[in-house]
């Protein structure tokens, strides 16, 4: 019995053309008609040079999240693989555009064809793409799906437009004296990007093309230990407890900017790297695995600021993964949350640098309440 599952195809869809740092506010707008001080500070640290927006310069939406996901799925198709042959559609996103129906069935609806099929939908933050991948992996391994499609997609620009930050202008003006106050609600504005990548999972690799064999996928949550760090649709009280939007009067939904995306940068800086290192050490022990042995290391980075911190953490645990083994596309693609890991796999395959037998360690940290995903893949 073949107990392997392969990522045999990848298809990326990024909307419109890349947006450079000096163009960002032409798309997402000026807050109070002024260029942001936070923008200059954040971009000086995060290393991002361009990103993609599903917007035009008038701020109008050009592609919804579900449309981008469907476009990526269509990119997998050909005369051999049609919509009728997809047995499972497994979707992940941090930016669904409705509460109900689920994001997954909205993507299925946008495909406008094929057959009725199993659809699963993971909503949360950066790990949702890997959660969707693990579900598709297990379904394929169990024989429930012959052709399983996993797609991660984001329209994070929905949270980035200027009109959602007018209430924060007072904090932004205080940035020079108390930068962390503005960063909680603005610094993600200069990090995030839109797009989608779909992958096809099957039990056998193609004969004439490279694929990725999934060795294992590990996920965990530290929510039992650490409070909420990144959130939308609620706010924290004076005790640091997170309260959802239903616990606030309707008038406060706008006054408190409950539906803007916020990040507690103090928690982020303190926990995100150390907990990821702790989980990797646990995986290494569990699987008798030496992270230093991999040929490629693909960390999902929200900012290049964290690269040196991750390198230091790895060395502290005795894992030597030199810079030439790192494969990161953050500067060219931006932070696409759940999509980023798949985008790196697609870019590596397109680069021609991957060789059969290479082993790839994928790392996806999620700061929302500190969840992590690691995967080991082999190039076949």
Protein backbone atom coordinates (compact mmCIF):
# COMPACT_ATOMS: atom_id res chain seq x y z
CA UNK A 1 0.00 0.00 0.00
CA UNK A 2 1.31 3.45 -0.91
CA UNK A 3 1.28 5.48 2.30
CA UNK A 4 2.59 8.69 0.73
CA UNK A 5 0.81 11.88 -0.35
CA UNK A 6 2.28 14.35 -2.82
CA UNK A 7 1.71 18.00 -3.62
CA UNK A 8 1.74 17.56 -7.38
CA UNK A 9 0.56 20.95 -8.59
CA UNK A 10 0.59 24.52 -7.30
CA UNK A 11 -1.25 27.50 -8.73
CA UNK A 12 -0.86 31.09 -7.51
CA UNK A 13 -3.17 34.01 -8.14
CA UNK A 14 -2.11 37.50 -7.07
CA UNK A 15 -4.43 40.37 -8.02
CA UNK A 16 -3.46 43.28 -10.26
CA UNK A 17 0.14 44.43 -10.37
CA UNK A 18 2.68 44.63 -7.52
CA UNK A 19 2.41 47.76 -5.38
CA UNK A 20 5.67 49.38 -4.25
CA UNK A 21 6.20 51.06 -0.89
CA UNK A 22 5.84 54.57 -2.31
CA UNK A 23 2.46 53.68 -3.87
CA UNK A 24 0.70 52.05 -0.93
CA UNK A 25 -1.37 55.01 0.17
CA UNK A 26 -2.60 55.54 -3.39
CA UNK A 27 -4.51 52.28 -2.91
CA UNK A 28 -5.34 52.04 0.80
CA UNK A 29 -5.63 55.79 1.32
CA UNK A 30 -4.31 58.55 3.57
CA UNK A 31 -5.53 58.85 7.15
CA UNK A 32 -6.67 62.44 7.73
CA UNK A 33 -5.05 63.31 4.39
CA UNK A 34 -1.55 62.82 5.82
CA UNK A 35 1.10 60.25 5.05
CA UNK A 36 1.69 58.01 8.04
CA UNK A 37 4.70 58.22 10.34
CA UNK A 38 4.05 54.59 11.26
CA UNK A 39 4.48 53.63 7.61
CA UNK A 40 8.03 54.89 7.48
CA UNK A 41 9.01 53.25 10.76
CA UNK A 42 7.41 49.88 10.01
CA UNK A 43 8.69 49.63 6.44
CA UNK A 44 12.20 50.44 7.61
CA UNK A 45 12.08 47.26 9.73
CA UNK A 46 9.96 44.76 7.84
CA UNK A 47 11.97 44.54 4.61
CA UNK A 48 8.89 44.41 2.39
CA UNK A 49 9.39 46.11 -0.98
CA UNK A 50 6.11 45.27 -2.71
CA UNK A 51 2.78 43.57 -2.13
CA UNK A 52 -0.54 42.95 -3.91
CA UNK A 53 -3.92 44.57 -3.33
CA UNK A 54 -7.31 43.45 -4.65
CA UNK A 55 -8.08 47.17 -4.99
CA UNK A 56 -7.75 49.85 -7.58
CA UNK A 57 -6.50 53.37 -6.85
CA UNK A 58 -10.04 54.55 -6.14
CA UNK A 59 -10.26 51.99 -3.33
CA UNK A 60 -12.75 49.82 -5.21
CA UNK A 61 -12.51 46.06 -4.72
CA UNK A 62 -11.32 44.27 -7.86
CA UNK A 63 -11.44 40.69 -6.54
CA UNK A 64 -13.11 39.15 -3.50
CA UNK A 65 -11.35 36.59 -1.34
CA UNK A 66 -13.49 33.77 -2.75
CA UNK A 67 -12.88 34.90 -6.34
CA UNK A 68 -9.10 34.87 -5.84
CA UNK A 69 -9.28 31.40 -4.30
CA UNK A 70 -11.40 30.13 -7.18
CA UNK A 71 -8.96 31.63 -9.69
CA UNK A 72 -6.07 29.80 -8.03
CA UNK A 73 -8.03 26.52 -8.10
CA UNK A 74 -8.78 26.97 -11.80
CA UNK A 75 -5.06 27.31 -12.40
CA UNK A 76 -4.64 23.67 -11.34
CA UNK A 77 -7.01 22.41 -14.01
CA UNK A 78 -6.26 20.98 -17.42
CA UNK A 79 -7.60 18.26 -19.70
CA UNK A 80 -6.61 15.61 -17.17
CA UNK A 81 -7.87 17.34 -14.01
CA UNK A 82 -11.31 18.94 -14.31
CA UNK A 83 -13.66 20.33 -11.68
CA UNK A 84 -15.67 17.10 -11.87
CA UNK A 85 -12.65 15.16 -10.61
CA UNK A 86 -12.05 17.20 -7.43
CA UNK A 87 -13.11 15.05 -4.46
CA UNK A 88 -12.31 17.52 -1.68
CA UNK A 89 -11.98 21.30 -1.44
CA UNK A 90 -10.13 22.30 1.72
CA UNK A 91 -9.91 26.06 2.31
CA UNK A 92 -8.08 28.29 4.77
CA UNK A 93 -8.18 32.05 5.29
CA UNK A 94 -7.64 34.75 7.89
CA UNK A 95 -9.95 37.15 6.06
CA UNK A 96 -13.34 35.62 5.23
CA UNK A 97 -15.78 38.22 3.92
CA UNK A 98 -18.84 36.97 5.79
CA UNK A 99 -19.69 35.17 9.02
CA UNK A 100 -22.10 32.75 7.35
CA UNK A 101 -21.87 30.88 4.92
CA UNK A 102 -18.40 29.49 5.45
CA UNK A 103 -15.56 30.75 3.29
CA UNK A 104 -15.06 27.29 1.79
CA UNK A 105 -18.53 26.98 0.32
CA UNK A 106 -18.28 30.52 -1.06
CA UNK A 107 -15.15 29.41 -2.94
CA UNK A 108 -16.99 26.31 -4.15
CA UNK A 109 -19.80 28.53 -5.40
CA UNK A 110 -17.38 30.79 -7.28
CA UNK A 111 -16.02 27.79 -9.19
CA UNK A 112 -19.39 27.66 -10.95
CA UNK A 113 -19.18 24.10 -12.16
CA UNK A 114 -18.04 20.62 -11.34
CA UNK A 115 -19.87 18.36 -8.93
CA UNK A 116 -21.16 18.56 -5.39
CA UNK A 117 -18.25 17.57 -3.19
CA UNK A 118 -16.87 17.69 0.34
CA UNK A 119 -15.85 21.19 1.40
CA UNK A 120 -14.12 22.11 4.65
CA UNK A 121 -13.26 25.62 5.78
CA UNK A 122 -10.69 26.80 8.31
CA UNK A 123 -10.91 30.38 9.60
CA UNK A 124 -8.48 31.95 12.01
CA UNK A 125 -5.12 33.40 11.10
CA UNK A 126 -1.85 32.38 9.46
CA UNK A 127 -2.05 28.66 10.33
CA UNK A 128 -5.36 28.12 8.53
CA UNK A 129 -3.64 27.24 5.26
CA UNK A 130 -1.61 24.54 7.00
CA UNK A 131 -4.69 23.31 8.85
CA UNK A 132 -6.48 22.96 5.53
CA UNK A 133 -3.45 21.18 4.09
CA UNK A 134 -3.33 18.70 6.97
CA UNK A 135 -7.03 17.87 6.53
CA UNK A 136 -6.50 17.31 2.81
CA UNK A 137 -3.38 15.25 3.53
CA UNK A 138 -5.20 12.93 5.93
CA UNK A 139 -8.23 12.62 3.63
CA UNK A 140 -5.97 11.65 0.74
CA UNK A 141 -3.93 9.27 2.88
CA UNK A 142 -7.11 7.57 4.09
CA UNK A 143 -8.32 7.07 0.54
CA UNK A 144 -11.30 9.39 0.94
CA UNK A 145 -10.06 11.67 -1.84
CA UNK A 146 -8.23 10.83 -5.05
CA UNK A 147 -7.80 14.48 -6.03
CA UNK A 148 -7.80 16.80 -3.02
CA UNK A 149 -7.44 20.53 -3.55
CA UNK A 150 -6.27 22.78 -0.74
CA UNK A 151 -6.44 26.54 -1.22
CA UNK A 152 -5.34 29.40 1.01
CA UNK A 153 -6.50 32.91 0.17
CA UNK A 154 -6.52 36.38 1.68
CA UNK A 155 -8.03 39.78 1.01
CA UNK A 156 -6.37 41.51 3.94
CA UNK A 157 -6.66 44.89 2.24
CA UNK A 158 -10.28 44.81 3.44
CA UNK A 159 -8.92 45.85 6.83
CA UNK A 160 -6.28 48.24 5.57
CA UNK A 161 -8.20 51.09 3.94
CA UNK A 162 -7.95 54.54 5.50
CA UNK A 163 -11.62 54.90 6.45
CA UNK A 164 -11.15 52.24 9.12
CA UNK A 165 -8.33 54.22 10.73
CA UNK A 166 -9.89 57.66 11.14
CA UNK A 167 -10.74 56.84 14.74
CA UNK A 168 -7.10 56.01 15.36
CA UNK A 169 -5.71 59.32 14.16
CA UNK A 170 -5.14 60.60 17.70
CA UNK A 171 -2.99 57.56 18.49
CA UNK A 172 -1.11 57.94 15.23
CA UNK A 173 -0.31 61.56 16.10
CA UNK A 174 1.12 60.37 19.41
CA UNK A 175 3.37 57.86 17.67
CA UNK A 176 6.60 59.74 18.37
CA UNK A 177 6.05 59.64 22.15
CA UNK A 178 4.22 56.32 22.60
CA UNK A 179 4.75 54.27 19.43
CA UNK A 180 3.27 51.04 20.72
CA UNK A 181 -0.18 52.62 21.04
CA UNK A 182 -0.47 53.33 17.34
CA UNK A 183 1.30 50.15 16.34
CA UNK A 184 -1.45 48.07 17.93
CA UNK A 185 -3.90 49.22 15.25
CA UNK A 186 -1.72 50.49 12.45
CA UNK A 187 1.50 48.57 12.08
CA UNK A 188 -0.16 45.61 10.32
CA UNK A 189 -1.44 48.07 7.73
CA UNK A 190 2.06 48.23 6.22
CA UNK A 191 2.73 44.47 6.33
CA UNK A 192 -0.19 42.69 4.68
CA UNK A 193 -0.91 41.56 1.13
CA UNK A 194 -3.68 39.88 -0.89
CA UNK A 195 -3.59 36.71 -2.97
CA UNK A 196 -4.20 33.00 -3.15
CA UNK A 197 -2.37 29.73 -3.82
CA UNK A 198 -4.00 26.35 -4.48
CA UNK A 199 -2.30 22.94 -4.28
CA UNK A 200 -3.31 19.51 -5.58
CA UNK A 201 -2.72 16.46 -3.39
CA UNK A 202 -2.58 12.94 -4.84
CA UNK A 203 -1.29 9.51 -3.84
CA UNK A 204 1.29 9.23 -6.64
CA UNK A 205 3.81 11.75 -7.98
CA UNK A 206 3.84 12.81 -11.64
CA UNK A 207 6.37 11.11 -13.90
CA UNK A 208 7.85 14.17 -15.58
CA UNK A 209 7.65 16.98 -13.04
CA UNK A 210 8.86 17.75 -9.53
CA UNK A 211 6.48 17.34 -6.62
CA UNK A 212 6.62 17.60 -2.83
CA UNK A 213 6.05 14.48 -0.75
CA UNK A 214 4.53 15.30 2.65
CA UNK A 215 6.48 13.56 5.40
CA UNK A 216 4.53 15.06 8.30
CA UNK A 217 2.61 18.14 9.44
CA UNK A 218 2.58 19.22 13.08
CA UNK A 219 0.38 21.92 14.62
CA UNK A 220 -0.11 23.22 18.14
CA UNK A 221 -1.64 26.07 20.13
CA UNK A 222 -0.29 27.86 23.18
CA UNK A 223 -3.62 29.59 23.88
CA UNK A 224 -3.74 27.73 27.20
CA UNK A 225 -0.68 29.71 28.29
CA UNK A 226 -0.77 33.12 26.58
CA UNK A 227 -3.45 35.79 26.12
CA UNK A 228 -4.77 37.02 22.78
CA UNK A 229 -2.22 38.97 20.73
CA UNK A 230 -3.77 39.72 17.31
CA UNK A 231 -7.51 40.09 16.90
CA UNK A 232 -10.45 41.58 15.03
CA UNK A 233 -14.14 41.59 15.90
CA UNK A 234 -13.65 42.38 19.57
CA UNK A 235 -11.42 44.12 22.09
CA UNK A 236 -9.61 43.55 25.35
CA UNK A 237 -10.90 44.80 28.69
CA UNK A 238 -8.83 46.34 31.45
CA UNK A 239 -7.83 42.85 32.65
CA UNK A 240 -6.48 41.89 29.24
CA UNK A 241 -9.38 39.51 28.60
CA UNK A 242 -10.67 39.36 25.04
CA UNK A 243 -14.37 40.10 24.54
CA UNK A 244 -16.14 39.41 21.24
CA UNK A 245 -18.22 42.02 19.42
CA UNK A 246 -21.51 40.61 20.72
CA UNK A 247 -20.55 41.72 24.23
CA UNK A 248 -20.43 45.41 23.25
CA UNK A 249 -23.33 47.80 22.57
CA UNK A 250 -23.79 48.49 18.88
CA UNK A 251 -22.72 52.14 19.32
CA UNK A 252 -19.28 50.97 20.49
CA UNK A 253 -18.65 48.83 17.42
CA UNK A 254 -17.36 51.90 15.57
CA UNK A 255 -16.25 53.98 18.55
CA UNK A 256 -13.93 51.18 19.69
CA UNK A 257 -13.01 50.10 16.12
CA UNK A 258 -13.99 46.56 17.04
CA UNK A 259 -13.69 45.31 13.48
CA UNK A 260 -10.24 46.70 12.74
CA UNK A 261 -7.28 44.35 12.91
CA UNK A 262 -5.15 44.91 16.01
CA UNK A 263 -1.83 43.54 17.24
CA UNK A 264 -0.34 43.72 20.72
CA UNK A 265 3.27 44.20 19.63
CA UNK A 266 4.58 43.74 23.15
CA UNK A 267 3.21 40.21 23.34
CA UNK A 268 4.32 39.54 19.77
CA UNK A 269 7.93 40.45 20.43
CA UNK A 270 8.06 38.51 23.69
CA UNK A 271 6.49 35.21 22.63
CA UNK A 272 6.38 34.62 18.89
CA UNK A 273 9.93 33.36 18.41
CA UNK A 274 10.49 31.58 21.71
CA UNK A 275 7.29 29.52 21.56
CA UNK A 276 8.03 28.54 17.96
CA UNK A 277 11.48 27.34 19.02
CA UNK A 278 10.02 25.42 21.92
CA UNK A 279 7.55 23.59 19.68
CA UNK A 280 10.26 22.76 17.12
CA UNK A 281 12.38 21.20 19.84
CA UNK A 282 9.40 19.07 20.92
CA UNK A 283 8.86 17.93 17.31
CA UNK A 284 12.54 17.12 16.90
CA UNK A 285 12.39 14.86 19.96
CA UNK A 286 9.08 13.25 18.99
CA UNK A 287 10.15 12.47 15.41
CA UNK A 288 13.86 11.94 16.01
CA UNK A 289 14.42 14.76 13.57
CA UNK A 290 17.39 17.11 13.26
CA UNK A 291 16.29 20.48 11.81
CA UNK A 292 19.91 21.14 10.80
CA UNK A 293 19.67 18.29 8.29
CA UNK A 294 17.20 20.02 5.95
CA UNK A 295 18.19 21.49 2.61
CA UNK A 296 15.66 24.34 2.71
CA UNK A 297 14.10 26.28 5.57
CA UNK A 298 10.90 28.18 4.73
CA UNK A 299 9.79 30.37 7.63
CA UNK A 300 6.66 32.43 7.18
CA UNK A 301 7.82 35.86 8.36
CA UNK A 302 5.55 38.79 9.07
CA UNK A 303 8.65 40.98 9.02
CA UNK A 304 12.32 40.48 8.19
CA UNK A 305 12.87 41.95 11.66
CA UNK A 306 12.24 38.46 13.05
CA UNK A 307 14.73 36.63 10.82
CA UNK A 308 17.76 37.27 13.03
CA UNK A 309 15.74 36.46 16.15
CA UNK A 310 14.68 33.11 14.69
CA UNK A 311 18.27 32.38 13.68
CA UNK A 312 19.44 33.09 17.23
CA UNK A 313 16.69 30.87 18.67
CA UNK A 314 17.63 27.99 16.37
CA UNK A 315 21.28 28.26 17.35
CA UNK A 316 20.34 28.31 21.02
CA UNK A 317 18.74 24.90 20.53
CA UNK A 318 21.75 23.63 18.58
CA UNK A 319 20.10 23.81 15.16
CA UNK A 320 22.41 25.26 12.53
CA UNK A 321 20.44 26.34 9.46
CA UNK A 322 22.69 28.83 7.62
CA UNK A 323 21.29 31.68 5.57
CA UNK A 324 21.90 29.95 2.23
CA UNK A 325 19.31 27.33 3.22
CA UNK A 326 16.61 29.91 3.91
CA UNK A 327 14.00 30.51 1.23
CA UNK A 328 11.87 33.59 1.90
CA UNK A 329 9.80 35.68 -0.51
CA UNK A 330 8.42 38.26 1.95
CA UNK A 331 10.18 41.28 0.34
CA UNK A 332 8.63 40.57 -3.08
CA UNK A 333 5.19 39.24 -2.07
CA UNK A 334 4.41 40.78 1.31
CA UNK A 335 2.82 39.01 4.26
CA UNK A 336 -0.07 36.99 2.80
CA UNK A 337 -0.90 35.25 6.11
CA UNK A 338 -2.27 31.75 5.40
CA UNK A 339 -1.06 31.91 1.77
CA UNK A 340 2.61 32.63 2.49
CA UNK A 341 3.86 29.07 2.99
CA UNK A 342 2.23 27.86 -0.22
CA UNK A 343 3.57 30.88 -2.10
CA UNK A 344 7.11 30.02 -1.00
CA UNK A 345 6.70 26.40 -2.15
CA UNK A 346 5.43 27.64 -5.51
CA UNK A 347 8.29 30.12 -5.89
CA UNK A 348 10.92 27.51 -4.98
CA UNK A 349 9.55 25.10 -7.57
CA UNK A 350 9.49 27.83 -10.22
CA UNK A 351 13.03 28.94 -9.35
CA UNK A 352 14.58 25.68 -10.55
CA UNK A 353 16.71 25.54 -7.39
CA UNK A 354 14.96 22.57 -5.81
CA UNK A 355 16.48 19.17 -6.55
CA UNK A 356 15.04 15.70 -6.11
CA UNK A 357 15.78 14.46 -2.61
CA UNK A 358 15.90 17.94 -1.05
CA UNK A 359 14.11 18.19 2.27
CA UNK A 360 12.15 21.30 3.18
CA UNK A 361 11.17 22.47 6.65
CA UNK A 362 8.17 24.82 6.53
CA UNK A 363 7.41 26.97 9.57
CA UNK A 364 4.23 29.00 10.06
CA UNK A 365 3.84 30.99 13.28
CA UNK A 366 0.49 32.58 14.13
CA UNK A 367 0.42 35.38 16.66
CA UNK A 368 -3.38 35.59 17.07
CA UNK A 369 -3.16 33.44 20.16
CA UNK A 370 0.18 31.81 19.41
CA UNK A 371 -0.37 28.76 17.25
CA UNK A 372 2.33 27.13 15.14
CA UNK A 373 2.60 24.78 12.17
CA UNK A 374 5.65 22.89 10.92
CA UNK A 375 5.83 20.55 7.94
CA UNK A 376 8.58 18.41 6.48
CA UNK A 377 8.47 17.87 2.70
CA UNK A 378 10.75 15.99 0.31
CA UNK A 379 11.24 17.05 -3.30
CA UNK A 380 10.43 14.11 -5.60
